[in-house]
Each structure stands twice: as structure tokens, then as C-alpha cells.
C-alpha atoms as a PDB file:
ATOM      1  CA  CYS A   1       3.093   3.318  11.078  1.00  0.00           C
ATOM      2  CA  PRO A   2      -0.707   3.706  10.238  1.00  0.00           C
ATOM      3  CA  ALA A   3      -1.529   0.422  11.782  1.00  0.00           C
ATOM      4  CA  PRO A   4       1.164  -1.478  13.435  1.00  0.00           C
ATOM      5  CA  GLY A   5       1.467  -4.232  10.850  1.00  0.00           C
ATOM      6  CA  ALA A   6       3.888  -5.484   8.323  1.00  0.00           C
ATOM      7  CA  ALA A   7       1.892  -4.052   5.484  1.00  0.00           C
ATOM      8  CA  ALA A   8       3.725  -0.777   5.372  1.00  0.00           C
ATOM      9  CA  LEU A   9       7.237   0.004   6.297  1.00  0.00           C
ATOM     10  CA  CYS A  10       8.055   2.647   8.855  1.00  0.00           C
ATOM     11  CA  ARG A  11      10.534   5.483   7.975  1.00  0.00           C
ATOM     12  CA  GLN A  12      11.103   7.954  10.753  1.00  0.00           C
ATOM     13  CA  THR A  13      14.131   9.604   9.098  1.00  0.00           C
ATOM     14  CA  HIS A  14      13.608  12.263   6.354  1.00  0.00           C
ATOM     15  CA  SER A  15      15.347  12.034   3.006  1.00  0.00           C
ATOM     16  CA  PRO A  16      17.671  15.102   2.461  1.00  0.00           C
ATOM     17  CA  ARG A  17      15.373  16.018  -0.571  1.00  0.00           C
ATOM     18  CA  TRP A  18      12.472  16.542   1.674  1.00  0.00           C
ATOM     19  CA  ILE A  19      11.964  18.947   4.521  1.00  0.00           C
ATOM     20  CA  GLY A  20       9.089  17.285   6.231  1.00  0.00           C
ATOM     21  CA  ALA A  21       5.387  17.173   6.153  1.00  0.00           C
ATOM     22  CA  ARG A  22       4.641  20.693   7.343  1.00  0.00           C
ATOM     23  CA  GLY A  23       5.593  23.504   4.863  1.00  0.00           C
ATOM     24  CA  LEU A  24       6.820  21.374   1.897  1.00  0.00           C
ATOM     25  CA  PHE A  25       3.886  22.274  -0.259  1.00  0.00           C
ATOM     26  CA  SER A  26       1.637  25.253  -0.408  1.00  0.00           C
ATOM     27  CA  ARG A  27      -1.272  24.916   1.924  1.00  0.00           C
ATOM     28  CA  GLY A  28      -3.568  26.933  -0.164  1.00  0.00           C
ATOM     29  CA  GLY A  29      -7.287  26.765  -0.214  1.00  0.00           C
ATOM     30  CA  GLY A  30     -10.264  29.049  -0.341  1.00  0.00           C
ATOM     31  CA  GLY A  31     -11.616  31.439   2.146  1.00  0.00           C
ATOM     32  CA  ALA A  32     -12.892  30.546   5.627  1.00  0.00           C
ATOM     33  CA  ASP A  33     -16.504  31.260   4.716  1.00  0.00           C
ATOM     34  CA  GLU A  34     -16.684  28.475   2.016  1.00  0.00           C
ATOM     35  CA  GLU A  35     -19.432  25.811   2.603  1.00  0.00           C
ATOM     36  CA  GLN A  36     -17.937  22.711   4.164  1.00  0.00           C
ATOM     37  CA  GLN A  37     -18.094  19.829   1.810  1.00  0.00           C
ATOM     38  CA  THR A  38     -19.487  16.350   2.792  1.00  0.00           C
ATOM     39  CA  LEU A  39     -19.004  12.699   1.889  1.00  0.00           C
ATOM     40  CA  GLU A  40     -22.137  12.993  -0.231  1.00  0.00           C
ATOM     41  CA  ASP A  41     -20.827  16.098  -2.154  1.00  0.00           C
ATOM     42  CA  VAL A  42     -17.760  14.062  -3.009  1.00  0.00           C
ATOM     43  CA  ALA A  43     -19.661  10.998  -4.104  1.00  0.00           C
ATOM     44  CA  LYS A  44     -21.996  13.226  -6.326  1.00  0.00           C
ATOM     45  CA  ASN A  45     -19.038  14.812  -7.992  1.00  0.00           C
ATOM     46  CA  ILE A  46     -17.342  11.315  -8.620  1.00  0.00           C
ATOM     47  CA  ARG A  47     -20.655   9.957  -9.800  1.00  0.00           C
ATOM     48  CA  GLU A  48     -21.300  12.851 -12.260  1.00  0.00           C
ATOM     49  CA  ARG A  49     -17.609  12.471 -13.491  1.00  0.00           C
ATOM     50  CA  GLN A  50     -16.774  16.047 -12.111  1.00  0.00           C
ATOM     51  CA  PHE A  51     -13.631  14.177 -10.791  1.00  0.00           C
ATOM     52  CA  LYS A  52     -11.859  12.438 -13.550  1.00  0.00           C
ATOM     53  CA  ARG A  53      -8.233  12.411 -12.170  1.00  0.00           C
ATOM     54  CA  VAL A  54      -8.595  11.056  -8.776  1.00  0.00           C
ATOM     55  CA  VAL A  55      -5.310  10.206  -6.707  1.00  0.00           C
ATOM     56  CA  VAL A  56      -5.501   7.672  -3.836  1.00  0.00           C
ATOM     57  CA  MET A  57      -2.908   7.534  -0.989  1.00  0.00           C
ATOM     58  CA  ALA A  58      -3.170   4.258   1.182  1.00  0.00           C
ATOM     59  CA  GLY A  59      -1.317   2.747   4.048  1.00  0.00           C
ATOM     60  CA  ALA A  60      -1.478  -0.298   6.145  1.00  0.00           C
ATOM     61  CA  GLY A  61      -4.894   0.450   7.418  1.00  0.00           C
ATOM     62  CA  ILE A  62      -6.413  -0.714   4.180  1.00  0.00           C
ATOM     63  CA  SER A  63      -4.612  -4.208   4.405  1.00  0.00           C
ATOM     64  CA  THR A  64      -5.249  -4.898   8.020  1.00  0.00           C
ATOM     65  CA  PRO A  65      -8.806  -6.020   7.404  1.00  0.00           C
ATOM     66  CA  SER A  66      -7.491  -8.687   4.983  1.00  0.00           C
ATOM     67  CA  GLY A  67      -5.644 -10.349   7.796  1.00  0.00           C
ATOM     68  CA  ILE A  68      -2.109  -9.065   7.042  1.00  0.00           C
ATOM     69  CA  PRO A  69      -0.165  -9.978  10.335  1.00  0.00           C
ATOM     70  CA  ASP A  70       1.362  -7.579  12.876  1.00  0.00           C
ATOM     71  CA  PHE A  71       5.056  -8.548  13.075  1.00  0.00           C
ATOM     72  CA  ARG A  72       5.498  -6.186  16.121  1.00  0.00           C
ATOM     73  CA  SER A  73       2.697  -7.265  18.405  1.00  0.00           C
ATOM     74  CA  PRO A  74       3.577 -10.000  21.135  1.00  0.00           C
ATOM     75  CA  GLY A  75       1.258 -12.940  20.884  1.00  0.00           C
ATOM     76  CA  SER A  76       1.023 -12.873  17.100  1.00  0.00           C
ATOM     77  CA  GLY A  77       2.341 -16.044  15.461  1.00  0.00           C
ATOM     78  CA  LEU A  78       4.562 -14.019  13.093  1.00  0.00           C
ATOM     79  CA  TYR A  79       6.044 -12.133  16.054  1.00  0.00           C
ATOM     80  CA  ASP A  80       6.710 -15.239  18.107  1.00  0.00           C
ATOM     81  CA  ASN A  81       8.376 -16.884  15.066  1.00  0.00           C
ATOM     82  CA  LEU A  82      10.793 -13.764  14.521  1.00  0.00           C
ATOM     83  CA  GLN A  83      11.916 -14.000  18.128  1.00  0.00           C
ATOM     84  CA  GLN A  84      14.256 -16.879  17.438  1.00  0.00           C
ATOM     85  CA  TYR A  85      16.518 -14.553  15.429  1.00  0.00           C
ATOM     86  CA  ASP A  86      17.245 -12.324  18.390  1.00  0.00           C
ATOM     87  CA  LEU A  87      16.322  -9.063  16.620  1.00  0.00           C
ATOM     88  CA  PRO A  88      17.621  -5.953  18.267  1.00  0.00           C
ATOM     89  CA  TYR A  89      14.312  -4.130  17.580  1.00  0.00           C
ATOM     90  CA  ALA A  90      11.495  -5.130  15.251  1.00  0.00           C
ATOM     91  CA  GLU A  91      12.234  -2.551  12.562  1.00  0.00           C
ATOM     92  CA  ALA A  92      15.751  -3.941  12.187  1.00  0.00           C
ATOM     93  CA  ILE A  93      14.189  -6.517   9.878  1.00  0.00           C
ATOM     94  CA  PHE A  94      13.849  -3.696   7.170  1.00  0.00           C
ATOM     95  CA  GLU A  95      17.418  -2.239   7.728  1.00  0.00           C
ATOM     96  CA  ILE A  96      19.706  -3.127   4.804  1.00  0.00           C
ATOM     97  CA  GLY A  97      22.734  -3.313   7.045  1.00  0.00           C
ATOM     98  CA  PHE A  98      21.082  -5.962   9.170  1.00  0.00           C
ATOM     99  CA  PHE A  99      19.809  -7.812   5.948  1.00  0.00           C
ATOM    100  CA  ARG A 100      23.261  -8.062   4.708  1.00  0.00           C
ATOM    101  CA  HIS A 101      24.494  -9.502   8.056  1.00  0.00           C
ATOM    102  CA  ASN A 102      21.366 -11.702   8.465  1.00  0.00           C
ATOM    103  CA  PRO A 103      18.726 -12.089   5.826  1.00  0.00           C
ATOM    104  CA  ASN A 104      16.937 -14.910   7.583  1.00  0.00           C
ATOM    105  CA  PRO A 105      14.369 -12.772   9.691  1.00  0.00           C
ATOM    106  CA  PHE A 106      13.336 -10.888   6.456  1.00  0.00           C
ATOM    107  CA  PHE A 107      12.548 -14.008   4.517  1.00  0.00           C
ATOM    108  CA  ALA A 108      10.632 -15.311   7.497  1.00  0.00           C
ATOM    109  CA  LEU A 109       8.503 -12.414   7.324  1.00  0.00           C
ATOM    110  CA  ALA A 110       8.301 -12.612   3.506  1.00  0.00           C
ATOM    111  CA  LYS A 111       7.146 -16.140   3.650  1.00  0.00           C
ATOM    112  CA  GLU A 112       4.099 -14.880   5.525  1.00  0.00           C
ATOM    113  CA  LEU A 113       3.492 -11.796   3.426  1.00  0.00           C
ATOM    114  CA  TYR A 114       4.220 -13.249  -0.069  1.00  0.00           C
ATOM    115  CA  PRO A 115       1.502 -12.477  -2.477  1.00  0.00           C
ATOM    116  CA  GLY A 116      -1.024 -15.057  -2.803  1.00  0.00           C
ATOM    117  CA  ASN A 117      -1.647 -15.632   0.973  1.00  0.00           C
ATOM    118  CA  TYR A 118      -4.182 -12.986   1.543  1.00  0.00           C
ATOM    119  CA  GLN A 119      -7.035 -11.521  -0.501  1.00  0.00           C
ATOM    120  CA  PRO A 120      -7.844  -7.872  -1.088  1.00  0.00           C
ATOM    121  CA  ASN A 121     -10.827  -6.306   0.435  1.00  0.00           C
ATOM    122  CA  LEU A 122     -13.519  -3.641  -0.341  1.00  0.00           C
ATOM    123  CA  THR A 123     -11.032  -0.787  -0.225  1.00  0.00           C
ATOM    124  CA  HIS A 124      -8.754  -2.308  -2.884  1.00  0.00           C
ATOM    125  CA  TYR A 125     -11.669  -3.236  -5.249  1.00  0.00           C
ATOM    126  CA  PHE A 126     -13.148   0.229  -4.692  1.00  0.00           C
ATOM    127  CA  VAL A 127      -9.868   1.591  -6.229  1.00  0.00           C
ATOM    128  CA  ARG A 128     -10.214  -1.047  -8.959  1.00  0.00           C
ATOM    129  CA  LEU A 129     -13.517   0.270  -9.863  1.00  0.00           C
ATOM    130  CA  LEU A 130     -12.396   3.766  -9.915  1.00  0.00           C
ATOM    131  CA  HIS A 131      -9.840   2.695 -12.385  1.00  0.00           C
ATOM    132  CA  GLU A 132     -12.334   0.685 -14.533  1.00  0.00           C
ATOM    133  CA  LYS A 133     -14.405   3.867 -14.733  1.00  0.00           C
ATOM    134  CA  LYS A 134     -11.269   5.808 -15.970  1.00  0.00           C
ATOM    135  CA  GLN A 135     -11.224   8.100 -12.914  1.00  0.00           C
ATOM    136  CA  LEU A 136      -8.217   6.920 -11.290  1.00  0.00           C
ATOM    137  CA  LEU A 137      -5.063   8.941 -12.046  1.00  0.00           C
ATOM    138  CA  ARG A 138      -2.805   7.004  -9.771  1.00  0.00           C
ATOM    139  CA  MET A 139      -2.713   4.978  -6.474  1.00  0.00           C
ATOM    140  CA  TYR A 140       0.118   5.630  -4.035  1.00  0.00           C
ATOM    141  CA  THR A 141       0.630   2.828  -1.591  1.00  0.00           C
ATOM    142  CA  GLN A 142       2.835   2.471   1.480  1.00  0.00           C
ATOM    143  CA  ASN A 143       1.952  -1.401   1.436  1.00  0.00           C
ATOM    144  CA  ILE A 144       4.276  -4.119   0.430  1.00  0.00           C
ATOM    145  CA  ASP A 145       1.683  -6.974   0.645  1.00  0.00           C
ATOM    146  CA  GLY A 146       0.781  -6.783  -3.266  1.00  0.00           C
ATOM    147  CA  LEU A 147      -2.969  -6.573  -2.604  1.00  0.00           C
ATOM    148  CA  GLU A 148      -3.589  -3.936  -4.863  1.00  0.00           C
ATOM    149  CA  ARG A 149      -2.109  -5.792  -7.770  1.00  0.00           C
ATOM    150  CA  LEU A 150      -4.031  -8.774  -6.726  1.00  0.00           C
ATOM    151  CA  ALA A 151      -7.225  -6.629  -6.866  1.00  0.00           C
ATOM    152  CA  GLY A 152      -6.531  -6.015 -10.565  1.00  0.00           C
ATOM    153  CA  ILE A 153      -5.209  -2.566 -10.276  1.00  0.00           C
ATOM    154  CA  PRO A 154      -2.661  -2.353 -13.236  1.00  0.00           C
ATOM    155  CA  PRO A 155       1.030  -1.863 -12.128  1.00  0.00           C
ATOM    156  CA  GLU A 156       1.252   1.356 -14.313  1.00  0.00           C
ATOM    157  CA  MET A 157      -1.601   2.707 -12.302  1.00  0.00           C
ATOM    158  CA  LEU A 158       0.317   2.031  -8.949  1.00  0.00           C
ATOM    159  CA  VAL A 159       3.177   3.816  -7.097  1.00  0.00           C
ATOM    160  CA  GLU A 160       4.456   1.265  -4.530  1.00  0.00           C
ATOM    161  CA  ALA A 161       6.330   3.769  -2.465  1.00  0.00           C
ATOM    162  CA  HIS A 162       7.953   1.246  -0.347  1.00  0.00           C
ATOM    163  CA  GLY A 163       8.588  -1.327  -3.036  1.00  0.00           C
ATOM    164  CA  THR A 164       7.179  -4.814  -4.147  1.00  0.00           C
ATOM    165  CA  PHE A 165       7.573  -8.489  -4.085  1.00  0.00           C
ATOM    166  CA  ALA A 166       6.515  -8.697  -7.728  1.00  0.00           C
ATOM    167  CA  THR A 167      10.358  -8.154  -8.783  1.00  0.00           C
ATOM    168  CA  ALA A 168      13.586  -9.019  -7.069  1.00  0.00           C
ATOM    169  CA  THR A 169      17.230  -8.185  -7.527  1.00  0.00           C
ATOM    170  CA  CYS A 170      20.595  -9.969  -6.756  1.00  0.00           C
ATOM    171  CA  THR A 171      22.373  -7.978  -4.059  1.00  0.00           C
ATOM    172  CA  VAL A 172      25.814  -8.778  -5.676  1.00  0.00           C
ATOM    173  CA  CYS A 173      25.580  -8.905  -9.580  1.00  0.00           C
ATOM    174  CA  ARG A 174      22.258  -6.958  -9.712  1.00  0.00           C
ATOM    175  CA  LYS A 175      20.624  -9.477 -11.897  1.00  0.00           C
ATOM    176  CA  ASN A 176      16.777  -8.971 -11.993  1.00  0.00           C
ATOM    177  CA  TYR A 177      14.196 -11.758 -11.210  1.00  0.00           C
ATOM    178  CA  LYS A 178      10.381 -11.883 -11.151  1.00  0.00           C
ATOM    179  CA  GLY A 179       9.111 -12.258  -7.653  1.00  0.00           C
ATOM    180  CA  GLU A 180       7.541 -15.715  -8.561  1.00  0.00           C
ATOM    181  CA  GLU A 181      10.942 -17.166  -9.284  1.00  0.00           C
ATOM    182  CA  LEU A 182      11.831 -16.572  -5.510  1.00  0.00           C
ATOM    183  CA  ARG A 183       8.474 -18.314  -4.262  1.00  0.00           C
ATOM    184  CA  PRO A 184       9.751 -21.927  -3.964  1.00  0.00           C
ATOM    185  CA  ASP A 185      12.674 -20.817  -1.945  1.00  0.00           C
ATOM    186  CA  VAL A 186      10.786 -18.402   0.329  1.00  0.00           C
ATOM    187  CA  MET A 187       8.042 -20.806   1.070  1.00  0.00           C
ATOM    188  CA  SER A 188      10.453 -23.656   1.901  1.00  0.00           C
ATOM    189  CA  GLY A 189      12.305 -21.217   4.292  1.00  0.00           C
ATOM    190  CA  THR A 190      15.370 -20.922   2.238  1.00  0.00           C
ATOM    191  CA  VAL A 191      17.174 -17.721   1.562  1.00  0.00           C
ATOM    192  CA  PRO A 192      16.978 -17.305  -2.237  1.00  0.00           C
ATOM    193  CA  LYS A 193      20.437 -17.259  -4.020  1.00  0.00           C
ATOM    194  CA  CYS A 194      21.483 -16.148  -7.465  1.00  0.00           C
ATOM    195  CA  PRO A 195      22.535 -18.951  -9.759  1.00  0.00           C
ATOM    196  CA  THR A 196      24.830 -16.563 -11.616  1.00  0.00           C
ATOM    197  CA  CYS A 197      27.084 -15.514  -8.662  1.00  0.00           C
ATOM    198  CA  THR A 198      25.346 -17.024  -5.391  1.00  0.00           C
ATOM    199  CA  GLY A 199      24.583 -13.569  -4.045  1.00  0.00           C
ATOM    200  CA  VAL A 200      21.265 -13.128  -1.872  1.00  0.00           C
ATOM    201  CA  VAL A 201      18.329 -12.404  -4.153  1.00  0.00           C
ATOM    202  CA  LYS A 202      16.287  -9.665  -2.242  1.00  0.00           C
ATOM    203  CA  PRO A 203      12.762  -8.798  -3.312  1.00  0.00           C
ATOM    204  CA  ASP A 204      12.540  -5.069  -4.400  1.00  0.00           C
ATOM    205  CA  ILE A 205      11.130  -3.785  -1.009  1.00  0.00           C
ATOM    206  CA  VAL A 206      12.535  -0.554  -0.115  1.00  0.00           C
ATOM    207  CA  PHE A 207      14.803  -0.923   3.093  1.00  0.00           C
ATOM    208  CA  PHE A 208      16.029   1.813   5.575  1.00  0.00           C
ATOM    209  CA  GLY A 209      19.107   3.332   3.736  1.00  0.00           C
ATOM    210  CA  GLU A 210      17.946   2.603   0.328  1.00  0.00           C
ATOM    211  CA  GLU A 211      16.625   5.041  -2.302  1.00  0.00           C
ATOM    212  CA  LEU A 212      13.006   5.171  -3.357  1.00  0.00           C
ATOM    213  CA  PRO A 213      11.861   3.664  -6.465  1.00  0.00           C
ATOM    214  CA  ARG A 214      12.017   5.958  -9.401  1.00  0.00           C
ATOM    215  CA  HIS A 215       8.138   5.671  -9.919  1.00  0.00           C
ATOM    216  CA  PHE A 216       7.741   7.505  -6.666  1.00  0.00           C
ATOM    217  CA  PHE A 217       8.632  10.761  -8.492  1.00  0.00           C
ATOM    218  CA  LYS A 218       5.488  10.560 -10.682  1.00  0.00           C
ATOM    219  CA  TYR A 219       4.117  12.655  -7.907  1.00  0.00           C
ATOM    220  CA  LEU A 220       5.661  15.736  -9.592  1.00  0.00           C
ATOM    221  CA  THR A 221       3.168  15.396 -12.368  1.00  0.00           C
ATOM    222  CA  ASP A 222       0.369  13.515 -10.815  1.00  0.00           C
ATOM    223  CA  PHE A 223      -0.452  15.707  -7.812  1.00  0.00           C
ATOM    224  CA  PRO A 224      -0.753  18.873  -9.663  1.00  0.00           C
ATOM    225  CA  LEU A 225      -3.140  17.216 -12.055  1.00  0.00           C
ATOM    226  CA  ALA A 226      -5.326  15.705  -9.356  1.00  0.00           C
ATOM    227  CA  ASP A 227      -8.909  16.854  -9.101  1.00  0.00           C
ATOM    228  CA  LEU A 228      -9.589  14.798  -6.020  1.00  0.00           C
ATOM    229  CA  LEU A 229      -7.207  13.300  -3.467  1.00  0.00           C
ATOM    230  CA  ILE A 230      -8.378  10.216  -1.330  1.00  0.00           C
ATOM    231  CA  VAL A 231      -6.348   9.447   1.846  1.00  0.00           C
ATOM    232  CA  MET A 232      -7.158   6.200   3.617  1.00  0.00           C
ATOM    233  CA  GLY A 233      -5.659   3.871   6.256  1.00  0.00           C
ATOM    234  CA  THR A 234      -2.557   5.843   7.028  1.00  0.00           C
ATOM    235  CA  SER A 235      -1.040   7.852   9.940  1.00  0.00           C
ATOM    236  CA  LEU A 236       0.670  10.262   7.503  1.00  0.00           C
ATOM    237  CA  GLU A 237       3.760  10.141   9.797  1.00  0.00           C
ATOM    238  CA  VAL A 238       6.226   8.349   7.479  1.00  0.00           C
ATOM    239  CA  GLU A 239       8.220  10.609   5.137  1.00  0.00           C
ATOM    240  CA  PRO A 240       8.449  11.345   2.333  1.00  0.00           C
ATOM    241  CA  PHE A 241       5.081   9.685   1.679  1.00  0.00           C
ATOM    242  CA  ALA A 242       3.295  11.876   4.265  1.00  0.00           C
ATOM    243  CA  SER A 243       4.088  15.167   2.628  1.00  0.00           C
ATOM    244  CA  LEU A 244       2.311  14.284  -0.582  1.00  0.00           C
ATOM    245  CA  ALA A 245      -1.043  14.886   1.052  1.00  0.00           C
ATOM    246  CA  GLY A 246      -0.090  18.615   0.722  1.00  0.00           C
ATOM    247  CA  ALA A 247       1.029  18.245  -2.891  1.00  0.00           C
ATOM    248  CA  VAL A 248      -2.432  18.768  -4.414  1.00  0.00           C
ATOM    249  CA  ARG A 249      -3.596  22.286  -5.371  1.00  0.00           C
ATOM    250  CA  GLY A 250      -5.369  24.335  -2.712  1.00  0.00           C
ATOM    251  CA  SER A 251      -8.561  24.188  -4.534  1.00  0.00           C
ATOM    252  CA  VAL A 252      -8.702  20.501  -4.728  1.00  0.00           C
ATOM    253  CA  PRO A 253     -10.971  18.465  -2.350  1.00  0.00           C
ATOM    254  CA  ARG A 254      -9.126  16.079   0.023  1.00  0.00           C
ATOM    255  CA  LEU A 255     -11.027  13.031   1.424  1.00  0.00           C
ATOM    256  CA  LEU A 256      -9.550  11.315   4.650  1.00  0.00           C
ATOM    257  CA  ILE A 257     -11.144   7.885   5.338  1.00  0.00           C
ATOM    258  CA  ASN A 258      -9.310   6.760   8.327  1.00  0.00           C
ATOM    259  CA  ARG A 259      -9.535   5.599  12.111  1.00  0.00           C
ATOM    260  CA  ASP A 260      -7.969   9.087  13.426  1.00  0.00           C
ATOM    261  CA  LEU A 261      -7.405  12.720  12.215  1.00  0.00           C
ATOM    262  CA  VAL A 262      -3.869  12.600  10.774  1.00  0.00           C
ATOM    263  CA  GLY A 263      -1.336  14.994   9.171  1.00  0.00           C
ATOM    264  CA  PRO A 264      -2.622  18.201   7.652  1.00  0.00           C
ATOM    265  CA  PHE A 265      -6.314  17.068   8.393  1.00  0.00           C
ATOM    266  CA  ALA A 266      -5.457  17.315  12.011  1.00  0.00           C
ATOM    267  CA  TRP A 267      -3.290  20.462  12.175  1.00  0.00           C
ATOM    268  CA  ARG A 268      -4.210  22.418   9.314  1.00  0.00           C
ATOM    269  CA  ARG A 269      -7.486  21.754   7.436  1.00  0.00           C
ATOM    270  CA  ARG A 270      -8.440  23.266   4.175  1.00  0.00           C
ATOM    271  CA  PRO A 271     -12.028  24.226   3.542  1.00  0.00           C
ATOM    272  CA  GLN A 272     -12.498  21.644   0.921  1.00  0.00           C
ATOM    273  CA  ASP A 273     -11.370  18.861   3.173  1.00  0.00           C
ATOM    274  CA  VAL A 274     -13.818  15.943   4.000  1.00  0.00           C
ATOM    275  CA  VAL A 275     -13.267  13.597   6.991  1.00  0.00           C
ATOM    276  CA  GLN A 276     -14.766  10.249   7.386  1.00  0.00           C
ATOM    277  CA  LEU A 277     -13.591   8.683  10.825  1.00  0.00           C
ATOM    278  CA  GLY A 278     -13.781   5.219  11.936  1.00  0.00           C
ATOM    279  CA  ASP A 279     -13.293   1.742  10.442  1.00  0.00           C
ATOM    280  CA  VAL A 280     -11.608   2.248   7.069  1.00  0.00           C
ATOM    281  CA  VAL A 281     -13.626  -0.339   5.327  1.00  0.00           C
ATOM    282  CA  GLY A 282     -16.760   1.048   6.646  1.00  0.00           C
ATOM    283  CA  GLY A 283     -15.909   4.383   5.491  1.00  0.00           C
ATOM    284  CA  VAL A 284     -15.111   3.180   1.944  1.00  0.00           C
ATOM    285  CA  GLN A 285     -18.528   1.246   2.089  1.00  0.00           C
ATOM    286  CA  ALA A 286     -20.324   4.471   3.050  1.00  0.00           C
ATOM    287  CA  LEU A 287     -18.720   6.144  -0.081  1.00  0.00           C
ATOM    288  CA  VAL A 288     -19.550   3.318  -2.303  1.00  0.00           C
ATOM    289  CA  ASP A 289     -23.187   3.420  -0.938  1.00  0.00           C
ATOM    290  CA  ALA A 290     -23.352   7.183  -1.673  1.00  0.00           C
ATOM    291  CA  LEU A 291     -22.105   6.699  -5.027  1.00  0.00           C
ATOM    292  CA  GLY A 292     -24.708   4.050  -5.951  1.00  0.00           C
ATOM    293  CA  TRP A 293     -22.002   1.585  -6.674  1.00  0.00           C
ATOM    294  CA  THR A 294     -22.743  -1.132  -4.140  1.00  0.00           C
ATOM    295  CA  GLN A 295     -24.190  -3.785  -6.522  1.00  0.00           C
ATOM    296  CA  GLU A 296     -21.389  -3.326  -9.021  1.00  0.00           C
ATOM    297  CA  LEU A 297     -18.641  -3.487  -6.519  1.00  0.00           C
ATOM    298  CA  ASP A 298     -20.277  -6.643  -4.883  1.00  0.00           C
ATOM    299  CA  ALA A 299     -20.627  -8.426  -8.150  1.00  0.00           C
ATOM    300  CA  LEU A 300     -16.821  -7.491  -8.908  1.00  0.00           C
ATOM    301  CA  MET A 301     -15.748  -8.927  -5.548  1.00  0.00           C
ATOM    302  CA  LYS A 302     -17.784 -12.033  -6.002  1.00  0.00           C
ATOM    303  CA  ARG A 303     -16.125 -12.562  -9.382  1.00  0.00           C
ATOM    304  CA  GLU A 304     -12.816 -12.050  -8.004  1.00  0.00           C
ATOM    305  CA  LEU A 305     -13.290 -14.404  -5.071  1.00  0.00           C
ATOM    306  CA  LEU A 306     -14.391 -17.289  -7.370  1.00  0.00           C
ATOM    307  CA  HIS A 307     -11.263 -16.605  -9.450  1.00  0.00           C
ATOM    308  CA  TRP A 308      -9.021 -16.574  -6.414  1.00  0.00           C
ATOM    309  CA  LYS A 309     -10.321 -19.792  -5.081  1.00  0.00           C
ATOM    310  CA  TYR A 310      -9.928 -21.487  -8.450  1.00  0.00           C
ATOM    311  CA  SER A 311      -6.405 -20.233  -8.759  1.00  0.00           C
ATOM    312  CA  LYS A 312      -5.631 -21.849  -5.169  1.00  0.00           C
ATOM    313  CA  THR A 313      -7.213 -25.081  -6.157  1.00  0.00           C
ATOM    314  CA  GLU A 314      -5.174 -25.193  -9.363  1.00  0.00           C
ATOM    315  CA  LEU A 315      -1.969 -24.486  -7.399  1.00  0.00           C
ATOM    316  CA  PHE A 316      -2.992 -27.100  -4.828  1.00  0.00           C
ATOM    317  CA  VAL A 317      -3.501 -29.717  -7.576  1.00  0.00           C
ATOM    318  CA  SER A 318      -0.235 -28.886  -9.436  1.00  0.00           C
ATOM    319  CA  LYS A 319       1.618 -29.284  -6.073  1.00  0.00           C
ATOM    320  CA  ILE A 320       0.132 -32.769  -5.555  1.00  0.00           C
ATOM    321  CA  SER A 321       0.996 -33.715  -9.189  1.00  0.00           C
ATOM    322  CA  LEU A 322       4.657 -32.802  -8.658  1.00  0.00           C
ATOM    323  CA  ASN A 323       4.791 -34.621  -5.246  1.00  0.00           C
ATOM    324  CA  CYS A 324       3.388 -37.818  -7.059  1.00  0.00           C
ATOM    325  CA  ARG A 325       6.128 -37.796  -9.726  1.00  0.00           C
END
């Protein structure tokens, strides 16, 4: 995984429809004598609206700055809490066979990750700003924490490649539910059950052994249309998500904002590729500064923080009212 946290799921096995990150798409690109692009060049073209169809790919590295916990690191409260379930290995929590046998570990994790416990950070709001300026074509995320939605990026602008807590489905009768309908059970440590058939109701998170959401295949039309690809906070090791980095046309600039060189940025760079290594939030901040959007983004984040605090206060007051009845 990009950062060893619960924000993104790990899929080391490849779908039969995919042949791996190397060679799936044309590598393309201009000649070797092309002038190397810089972060400032990318910013200038965004600012001057030369890029109007930006595709963003993101992984767990954009969510760890929000405090999303690491369920695989000894010493973390969540890891210690999960030990009582005697998991054969950490990733078993996302295996559908194990879930059917024992859903309790997953719902212990879900209680921690459920939308509303954590706030989006600058990276999420940068993508929101791209959308507001009508320059975002789509955001493809590996994360299941819902921070993209919480930042105000509309669901239709998102492809949540590994699923979402926003909706849920009964594992027996397939009845659909809104994610919020599960919240009382999840927060109380109870496995949600379908009132119709008593089957376990599972959030629409994609487990090992399950098909990807239909929305994922929007890449077939999105990536050929993109005029800029931004990749941030991901190791580009998890298939089939990783292969998308090669799906844009060879002439399209690709900007990597990441802790390390990954995927095609490490083993076969294109002349148009731009790399900003280091802290992901710091890298996005550098792009925002180069764009001249710093004040605008700060104002957006302050408004959203006030809204978030107000919503949390309202929820707290409503809980007190219910308890007093």
C-alpha cells in the first residue's frame, strides 16, 4: 500500500482483465531532446486554463496527514484493538471469505474509519478547488475513508476504486442502504443486520475476491480525454489501479506528488513527466503557491472547518437530547 494505513486497500493479485502495470498501455511520449517540464510549468498551464480536463489519482498518502490510523502497525490503538480477533494476517480483514466467517474485525475497523471521524486536508481541498474552477475531469481514489466527499467533491466527480462507506448492501437479500443507516450499529460495536432477512449489511467496500465498482471503468473514456494527470500519495503497486498511470496519451504531462518515485515514474519516465518528491501535503502546497491559489484555498478550508465544527456540535447536542428523553 502507498502508506501502510487503512485508507486504501491492498490488492496484490491481478484481475484477469489486466496484464499488470508494465505494458498495459502505450508508453508514448515525445523525443528525448524535449525540454523537461517543471512544477511551475504545470502551474502556469493550469492557471492559464491550458489544462481543462485534469484527472487526479490518489492513494492513502493523501489521507494519513488527516490522522487516518494504521491498522497494521503494532502500537497503534486500532492495531491493538484488532488483536482480540486473532486475525491470521492483517489483510484478512478485507477478505470476503473471512468476513462471511467473522465480520467483527471489519466492523471494528469501520467504527474507526466511518465518515465524520476525520477531516479532509489541503490535498482534498485542492482537488475541490480544481472542480470549482471546472478543470477537474475526475478523481480516482484508492481510499475508503470518504474524505474526498467530505471535502465537497461531488460523487459524480469521484471514482472510488476500492468502494465507499456512503452506501451498503445486505449480503443475503442484496437490499441497498445508505451508509448513514448503519452508523448507529457501527458506532455501538454491533454488526448491522438487515431488518428484512437478518443478513449482515456490508458497506460497499471492495474486498479481495469482489468485483470492482462499475464506475471504475469510466477510465476507458476519462483517461484518453485527460490533458493533465496528477498522481499523489500512492505506491502505484496495487492493480488494476496502478496501470491507470499509463492510460493517458503519451503527449499528456503527468505530475507525481509523492514521497518516493513509483511505477512508471521510476522505471520508464516520459519527457513530459514532472516529479515533486517529499511530503505530499507540502508538494501540493508548492503547486498551490505556484498557481497563486493560496489565499483562495485557505479561505475555502476555513469555511469548511467552521461548517465541520458546527455539524459536530449539532450532532453532539442531538445525542444529548435523545439521551435525556
